């Protein structure tokens, strides 16, 4: 025989649990995307700096100019 149990769950608590779950998931995914974007931007800045030095281009002519050291 199969016994089924019906659990009573209020709509308010289900909505609250869903909101908390969505917030935590969004925070986690947003943190990962932000870290990936930050790493990629840093790699581009390093690449442009290295390219400028290897090609003999002055630092003022690069897209970020003299701001590379402050980044």
PDB file of N, CA and C in Angstrom:
ATOM      1  N   UNK A   1       0.828  -1.187   0.000  1.00  0.00           N
ATOM      2  CA  UNK A   1       0.000   0.000   0.000  1.00  0.00           C
ATOM      3  C   UNK A   1       0.871   1.250   0.000  1.00  0.00           C
ATOM      4  N   UNK A   2       0.375   2.223  -0.645  1.00  0.00           N
ATOM      5  CA  UNK A   2       1.088   3.489  -0.722  1.00  0.00           C
ATOM      6  C   UNK A   2       0.404   4.477   0.201  1.00  0.00           C
ATOM      7  N   UNK A   3       1.195   5.053   1.066  1.00  0.00           N
ATOM      8  CA  UNK A   3       0.665   6.077   1.971  1.00  0.00           C
ATOM      9  C   UNK A   3       1.131   7.444   1.486  1.00  0.00           C
ATOM     10  N   UNK A   4       0.233   8.330   1.264  1.00  0.00           N
ATOM     11  CA  UNK A   4       0.562   9.686   0.834  1.00  0.00           C
ATOM     12  C   UNK A   4       0.292  10.651   1.973  1.00  0.00           C
ATOM     13  N   UNK A   5       1.211  11.565   2.135  1.00  0.00           N
ATOM     14  CA  UNK A   5       1.050  12.596   3.151  1.00  0.00           C
ATOM     15  C   UNK A   5       1.026  13.943   2.447  1.00  0.00           C
ATOM     16  N   UNK A   6       0.053  14.712   2.760  1.00  0.00           N
ATOM     17  CA  UNK A   6      -0.071  16.044   2.197  1.00  0.00           C
ATOM     18  C   UNK A   6       0.423  17.041   3.237  1.00  0.00           C
ATOM     19  N   UNK A   7       1.457  17.749   2.872  1.00  0.00           N
ATOM     20  CA  UNK A   7       2.042  18.718   3.791  1.00  0.00           C
ATOM     21  C   UNK A   7       1.359  20.057   3.573  1.00  0.00           C
ATOM     22  N   UNK A   8       0.970  20.670   4.657  1.00  0.00           N
ATOM     23  CA  UNK A   8       0.334  21.983   4.562  1.00  0.00           C
ATOM     24  C   UNK A   8       1.433  23.043   4.590  1.00  0.00           C
ATOM     25  N   UNK A   9       1.441  23.854   3.579  1.00  0.00           N
ATOM     26  CA  UNK A   9       2.451  24.891   3.452  1.00  0.00           C
ATOM     27  C   UNK A   9       1.740  26.179   3.060  1.00  0.00           C
ATOM     28  N   UNK A  10       1.991  27.207   3.815  1.00  0.00           N
ATOM     29  CA  UNK A  10       1.317  28.468   3.515  1.00  0.00           C
ATOM     30  C   UNK A  10       1.969  29.145   2.309  1.00  0.00           C
ATOM     31  N   UNK A  11       1.172  29.899   1.621  1.00  0.00           N
ATOM     32  CA  UNK A  11       1.659  30.625   0.447  1.00  0.00           C
ATOM     33  C   UNK A  11       2.698  31.660   0.860  1.00  0.00           C
ATOM     34  N   UNK A  12       2.495  32.306   1.987  1.00  0.00           N
ATOM     35  CA  UNK A  12       3.415  33.337   2.456  1.00  0.00           C
ATOM     36  C   UNK A  12       4.801  32.760   2.726  1.00  0.00           C
ATOM     37  N   UNK A  13       4.874  31.616   3.387  1.00  0.00           N
ATOM     38  CA  UNK A  13       6.181  31.028   3.674  1.00  0.00           C
ATOM     39  C   UNK A  13       6.845  30.506   2.402  1.00  0.00           C
ATOM     40  N   UNK A  14       6.063  30.002   1.463  1.00  0.00           N
ATOM     41  CA  UNK A  14       6.630  29.546   0.191  1.00  0.00           C
ATOM     42  C   UNK A  14       7.187  30.725  -0.605  1.00  0.00           C
ATOM     43  N   UNK A  15       6.479  31.848  -0.598  1.00  0.00           N
ATOM     44  CA  UNK A  15       6.969  33.036  -1.296  1.00  0.00           C
ATOM     45  C   UNK A  15       8.224  33.582  -0.630  1.00  0.00           C
ATOM     46  N   UNK A  16       8.251  33.569   0.681  1.00  0.00           N
ATOM     47  CA  UNK A  16       9.428  34.047   1.403  1.00  0.00           C
ATOM     48  C   UNK A  16      10.634  33.160   1.116  1.00  0.00           C
ATOM     49  N   UNK A  17      10.439  31.846   1.132  1.00  0.00           N
ATOM     50  CA  UNK A  17      11.538  30.922   0.842  1.00  0.00           C
ATOM     51  C   UNK A  17      12.026  31.091  -0.594  1.00  0.00           C
ATOM     52  N   UNK A  18      11.115  31.301  -1.522  1.00  0.00           N
ATOM     53  CA  UNK A  18      11.504  31.530  -2.908  1.00  0.00           C
ATOM     54  C   UNK A  18      12.266  32.832  -3.091  1.00  0.00           C
ATOM     55  N   UNK A  19      11.855  33.859  -2.367  1.00  0.00           N
ATOM     56  CA  UNK A  19      12.553  35.144  -2.459  1.00  0.00           C
ATOM     57  C   UNK A  19      13.967  35.039  -1.903  1.00  0.00           C
ATOM     58  N   UNK A  20      14.114  34.368  -0.779  1.00  0.00           N
ATOM     59  CA  UNK A  20      15.447  34.199  -0.188  1.00  0.00           C
ATOM     60  C   UNK A  20      16.333  33.363  -1.103  1.00  0.00           C
ATOM     61  N   UNK A  21      15.778  32.287  -1.652  1.00  0.00           N
ATOM     62  CA  UNK A  21      16.548  31.432  -2.557  1.00  0.00           C
ATOM     63  C   UNK A  21      16.972  32.197  -3.806  1.00  0.00           C
ATOM     64  N   UNK A  22      16.075  32.965  -4.380  1.00  0.00           N
ATOM     65  CA  UNK A  22      16.409  33.759  -5.556  1.00  0.00           C
ATOM     66  C   UNK A  22      17.447  34.823  -5.262  1.00  0.00           C
ATOM     67  N   UNK A  23      17.353  35.450  -4.094  1.00  0.00           N
ATOM     68  CA  UNK A  23      18.326  36.473  -3.721  1.00  0.00           C
ATOM     69  C   UNK A  23      19.716  35.874  -3.562  1.00  0.00           C
ATOM     70  N   UNK A  24      19.808  34.749  -2.871  1.00  0.00           N
ATOM     71  CA  UNK A  24      21.113  34.111  -2.652  1.00  0.00           C
ATOM     72  C   UNK A  24      21.699  33.633  -3.972  1.00  0.00           C
ATOM     73  N   UNK A  25      20.874  33.026  -4.815  1.00  0.00           N
ATOM     74  CA  UNK A  25      21.355  32.566  -6.116  1.00  0.00           C
ATOM     75  C   UNK A  25      21.817  33.744  -6.975  1.00  0.00           C
ATOM     76  N   UNK A  26      21.056  34.823  -6.993  1.00  0.00           N
ATOM     77  CA  UNK A  26      21.436  36.001  -7.766  1.00  0.00           C
ATOM     78  C   UNK A  26      22.702  36.655  -7.245  1.00  0.00           C
ATOM     79  N   UNK A  27      22.858  36.676  -5.929  1.00  0.00           N
ATOM     80  CA  UNK A  27      24.074  37.234  -5.341  1.00  0.00           C
ATOM     81  C   UNK A  27      25.292  36.402  -5.718  1.00  0.00           C
ATOM     82  N   UNK A  28      25.142  35.089  -5.694  1.00  0.00           N
ATOM     83  CA  UNK A  28      26.243  34.192  -6.050  1.00  0.00           C
ATOM     84  C   UNK A  28      26.623  34.335  -7.521  1.00  0.00           C
ATOM     85  N   UNK A  29      25.635  34.306  -8.397  1.00  0.00           N
ATOM     86  CA  UNK A  29      25.903  34.421  -9.831  1.00  0.00           C
ATOM     87  C   UNK A  29      26.444  35.811 -10.166  1.00  0.00           C
ATOM     88  N   UNK A  30      25.906  36.837  -9.523  1.00  0.00           N
ATOM     89  CA  UNK A  30      26.413  38.189  -9.750  1.00  0.00           C
ATOM     90  C   UNK A  30      27.847  38.348  -9.293  1.00  0.00           C
ATOM     91  N   UNK A  31      28.189  37.717  -8.177  1.00  0.00           N
ATOM     92  CA  UNK A  31      29.575  37.758  -7.707  1.00  0.00           C
ATOM     93  C   UNK A  31      30.518  37.065  -8.669  1.00  0.00           C
ATOM     94  N   UNK A  32      30.091  35.921  -9.189  1.00  0.00           N
ATOM     95  CA  UNK A  32      30.928  35.205 -10.160  1.00  0.00           C
ATOM     96  C   UNK A  32      31.099  36.007 -11.447  1.00  0.00           C
ATOM     97  N   UNK A  33      30.017  36.579 -11.948  1.00  0.00           N
ATOM     98  CA  UNK A  33      30.114  37.375 -13.174  1.00  0.00           C
ATOM     99  C   UNK A  33      30.951  38.637 -12.964  1.00  0.00           C
ATOM    100  N   UNK A  34      30.809  39.259 -11.796  1.00  0.00           N
ATOM    101  CA  UNK A  34      31.616  40.439 -11.499  1.00  0.00           C
ATOM    102  C   UNK A  34      33.094  40.114 -11.409  1.00  0.00           C
ATOM    103  N   UNK A  35      33.420  38.982 -10.786  1.00  0.00           N
ATOM    104  CA  UNK A  35      34.825  38.569 -10.691  1.00  0.00           C
ATOM    105  C   UNK A  35      35.391  38.246 -12.068  1.00  0.00           C
ATOM    106  N   UNK A  36      34.603  37.586 -12.894  1.00  0.00           N
ATOM    107  CA  UNK A  36      35.053  37.250 -14.245  1.00  0.00           C
ATOM    108  C   UNK A  36      35.244  38.507 -15.089  1.00  0.00           C
ATOM    109  N   UNK A  37      34.326  39.435 -14.991  1.00  0.00           N
ATOM    110  CA  UNK A  37      34.437  40.684 -15.741  1.00  0.00           C
ATOM    111  C   UNK A  37      35.634  41.510 -15.273  1.00  0.00           C
ATOM    112  N   UNK A  38      35.859  41.533 -13.971  1.00  0.00           N
ATOM    113  CA  UNK A  38      36.999  42.264 -13.425  1.00  0.00           C
ATOM    114  C   UNK A  38      38.317  41.647 -13.880  1.00  0.00           C
ATOM    115  N   UNK A  39      38.392  40.319 -13.872  1.00  0.00           N
ATOM    116  CA  UNK A  39      39.612  39.649 -14.315  1.00  0.00           C
ATOM    117  C   UNK A  39      39.857  39.921 -15.792  1.00  0.00           C
ATOM    118  N   UNK A  40      38.795  39.858 -16.600  1.00  0.00           N
ATOM    119  CA  UNK A  40      38.928  40.084 -18.031  1.00  0.00           C
ATOM    120  C   UNK A  40      39.368  41.521 -18.328  1.00  0.00           C
ATOM    121  N   UNK A  41      38.812  42.486 -17.604  1.00  0.00           N
ATOM    122  CA  UNK A  41      39.211  43.885 -17.802  1.00  0.00           C
ATOM    123  C   UNK A  41      40.672  44.089 -17.420  1.00  0.00           C
ATOM    124  N   UNK A  42      41.108  43.454 -16.322  1.00  0.00           N
ATOM    125  CA  UNK A  42      42.511  43.552 -15.925  1.00  0.00           C
ATOM    126  C   UNK A  42      43.436  42.923 -16.945  1.00  0.00           C
ATOM    127  N   UNK A  43      43.009  41.809 -17.533  1.00  0.00           N
ATOM    128  CA  UNK A  43      43.822  41.161 -18.563  1.00  0.00           C
ATOM    129  C   UNK A  43      43.944  42.044 -19.799  1.00  0.00           C
ATOM    130  N   UNK A  44      42.867  42.739 -20.151  1.00  0.00           N
ATOM    131  CA  UNK A  44      42.922  43.639 -21.309  1.00  0.00           C
ATOM    132  C   UNK A  44      43.848  44.818 -21.035  1.00  0.00           C
ATOM    133  N   UNK A  45      43.783  45.382 -19.832  1.00  0.00           N
ATOM    134  CA  UNK A  45      44.656  46.508 -19.491  1.00  0.00           C
ATOM    135  C   UNK A  45      46.115  46.065 -19.494  1.00  0.00           C
ATOM    136  N   UNK A  46      46.403  44.886 -18.938  1.00  0.00           N
ATOM    137  CA  UNK A  46      47.778  44.379 -18.952  1.00  0.00           C
ATOM    138  C   UNK A  46      48.253  44.110 -20.375  1.00  0.00           C
ATOM    139  N   UNK A  47      47.361  43.574 -21.205  1.00  0.00           N
ATOM    140  CA  UNK A  47      47.724  43.290 -22.587  1.00  0.00           C
ATOM    141  C   UNK A  47      48.032  44.577 -23.348  1.00  0.00           C
ATOM    142  N   UNK A  48      47.209  45.606 -23.144  1.00  0.00           N
ATOM    143  CA  UNK A  48      47.455  46.873 -23.824  1.00  0.00           C
ATOM    144  C   UNK A  48      48.757  47.503 -23.353  1.00  0.00           C
ATOM    145  N   UNK A  49      49.032  47.391 -22.076  1.00  0.00           N
ATOM    146  CA  UNK A  49      50.276  47.946 -21.548  1.00  0.00           C
ATOM    147  C   UNK A  49      51.476  47.212 -22.126  1.00  0.00           C
ATOM    148  N   UNK A  50      51.417  45.889 -22.142  1.00  0.00           N
ATOM    149  CA  UNK A  50      52.519  45.096 -22.689  1.00  0.00           C
ATOM    150  C   UNK A  50      52.674  45.339 -24.183  1.00  0.00           C
ATOM    151  N   UNK A  51      51.566  45.471 -24.892  1.00  0.00           N
ATOM    152  CA  UNK A  51      51.613  45.735 -26.326  1.00  0.00           C
ATOM    153  C   UNK A  51      52.250  47.090 -26.607  1.00  0.00           C
ATOM    154  N   UNK A  52      51.928  48.068 -25.788  1.00  0.00           N
ATOM    155  CA  UNK A  52      52.512  49.391 -25.976  1.00  0.00           C
ATOM    156  C   UNK A  52      54.007  49.397 -25.757  1.00  0.00           C
ATOM    157  N   UNK A  53      54.468  48.660 -24.762  1.00  0.00           N
ATOM    158  CA  UNK A  53      55.904  48.614 -24.497  1.00  0.00           C
ATOM    159  C   UNK A  53      56.634  47.772 -25.540  1.00  0.00           C
ATOM    160  N   UNK A  54      56.021  46.691 -26.001  1.00  0.00           N
ATOM    161  CA  UNK A  54      56.708  45.834 -26.972  1.00  0.00           C
ATOM    162  C   UNK A  54      56.745  46.460 -28.363  1.00  0.00           C
ATOM    163  N   UNK A  55      55.780  47.285 -28.700  1.00  0.00           N
ATOM    164  CA  UNK A  55      55.774  47.940 -30.007  1.00  0.00           C
ATOM    165  C   UNK A  55      56.464  49.299 -29.986  1.00  0.00           C
ATOM    166  N   UNK A  56      56.846  49.754 -28.824  1.00  0.00           N
ATOM    167  CA  UNK A  56      57.516  51.035 -28.720  1.00  0.00           C
ATOM    168  C   UNK A  56      56.570  52.218 -28.755  1.00  0.00           C
ATOM    169  N   UNK A  57      55.297  51.999 -28.518  1.00  0.00           N
ATOM    170  CA  UNK A  57      54.319  53.081 -28.509  1.00  0.00           C
ATOM    171  C   UNK A  57      54.380  53.758 -27.144  1.00  0.00           C
ATOM    172  N   UNK A  58      54.336  55.066 -27.133  1.00  0.00           N
ATOM    173  CA  UNK A  58      54.382  55.761 -25.851  1.00  0.00           C
ATOM    174  C   UNK A  58      53.099  55.527 -25.074  1.00  0.00           C
ATOM    175  N   UNK A  59      53.204  55.641 -23.774  1.00  0.00           N
ATOM    176  CA  UNK A  59      52.076  55.331 -22.900  1.00  0.00           C
ATOM    177  C   UNK A  59      50.925  56.323 -23.084  1.00  0.00           C
ATOM    178  N   UNK A  60      51.204  57.550 -23.465  1.00  0.00           N
ATOM    179  CA  UNK A  60      50.145  58.538 -23.643  1.00  0.00           C
ATOM    180  C   UNK A  60      49.244  58.210 -24.828  1.00  0.00           C
ATOM    181  N   UNK A  61      49.732  57.443 -25.787  1.00  0.00           N
ATOM    182  CA  UNK A  61      48.943  57.125 -26.971  1.00  0.00           C
ATOM    183  C   UNK A  61      48.045  55.913 -26.773  1.00  0.00           C
ATOM    184  N   UNK A  62      48.213  55.170 -25.702  1.00  0.00           N
ATOM    185  CA  UNK A  62      47.359  54.019 -25.437  1.00  0.00           C
ATOM    186  C   UNK A  62      45.960  54.497 -25.046  1.00  0.00           C
ATOM    187  N   UNK A  63      44.940  53.651 -25.171  1.00  0.00           N
ATOM    188  CA  UNK A  63      43.561  54.082 -24.887  1.00  0.00           C
ATOM    189  C   UNK A  63      43.357  54.636 -23.480  1.00  0.00           C
ATOM    190  N   UNK A  64      44.039  54.096 -22.481  1.00  0.00           N
ATOM    191  CA  UNK A  64      43.872  54.604 -21.120  1.00  0.00           C
ATOM    192  C   UNK A  64      44.961  55.593 -20.729  1.00  0.00           C
ATOM    193  N   UNK A  65      45.940  55.760 -21.572  1.00  0.00           N
ATOM    194  CA  UNK A  65      46.970  56.759 -21.342  1.00  0.00           C
ATOM    195  C   UNK A  65      47.737  56.567 -20.055  1.00  0.00           C
ATOM    196  N   UNK A  66      47.886  57.654 -19.304  1.00  0.00           N
ATOM    197  CA  UNK A  66      48.652  57.620 -18.063  1.00  0.00           C
ATOM    198  C   UNK A  66      47.891  56.991 -16.908  1.00  0.00           C
ATOM    199  N   UNK A  67      46.664  56.584 -17.114  1.00  0.00           N
ATOM    200  CA  UNK A  67      45.853  56.026 -16.028  1.00  0.00           C
ATOM    201  C   UNK A  67      46.133  54.549 -15.776  1.00  0.00           C
ATOM    202  N   UNK A  68      46.964  53.906 -16.572  1.00  0.00           N
ATOM    203  CA  UNK A  68      47.213  52.470 -16.418  1.00  0.00           C
ATOM    204  C   UNK A  68      47.822  52.169 -15.054  1.00  0.00           C
ATOM    205  N   UNK A  69      48.723  53.006 -14.590  1.00  0.00           N
ATOM    206  CA  UNK A  69      49.359  52.746 -13.292  1.00  0.00           C
ATOM    207  C   UNK A  69      48.372  52.860 -12.140  1.00  0.00           C
ATOM    208  N   UNK A  70      47.379  53.721 -12.254  1.00  0.00           N
ATOM    209  CA  UNK A  70      46.401  53.872 -11.173  1.00  0.00           C
ATOM    210  C   UNK A  70      45.353  52.771 -11.177  1.00  0.00           C
ATOM    211  N   UNK A  71      45.217  52.042 -12.268  1.00  0.00           N
ATOM    212  CA  UNK A  71      44.257  50.944 -12.325  1.00  0.00           C
ATOM    213  C   UNK A  71      44.862  49.742 -11.667  1.00  0.00           C
TER     214      UNK A  71
END
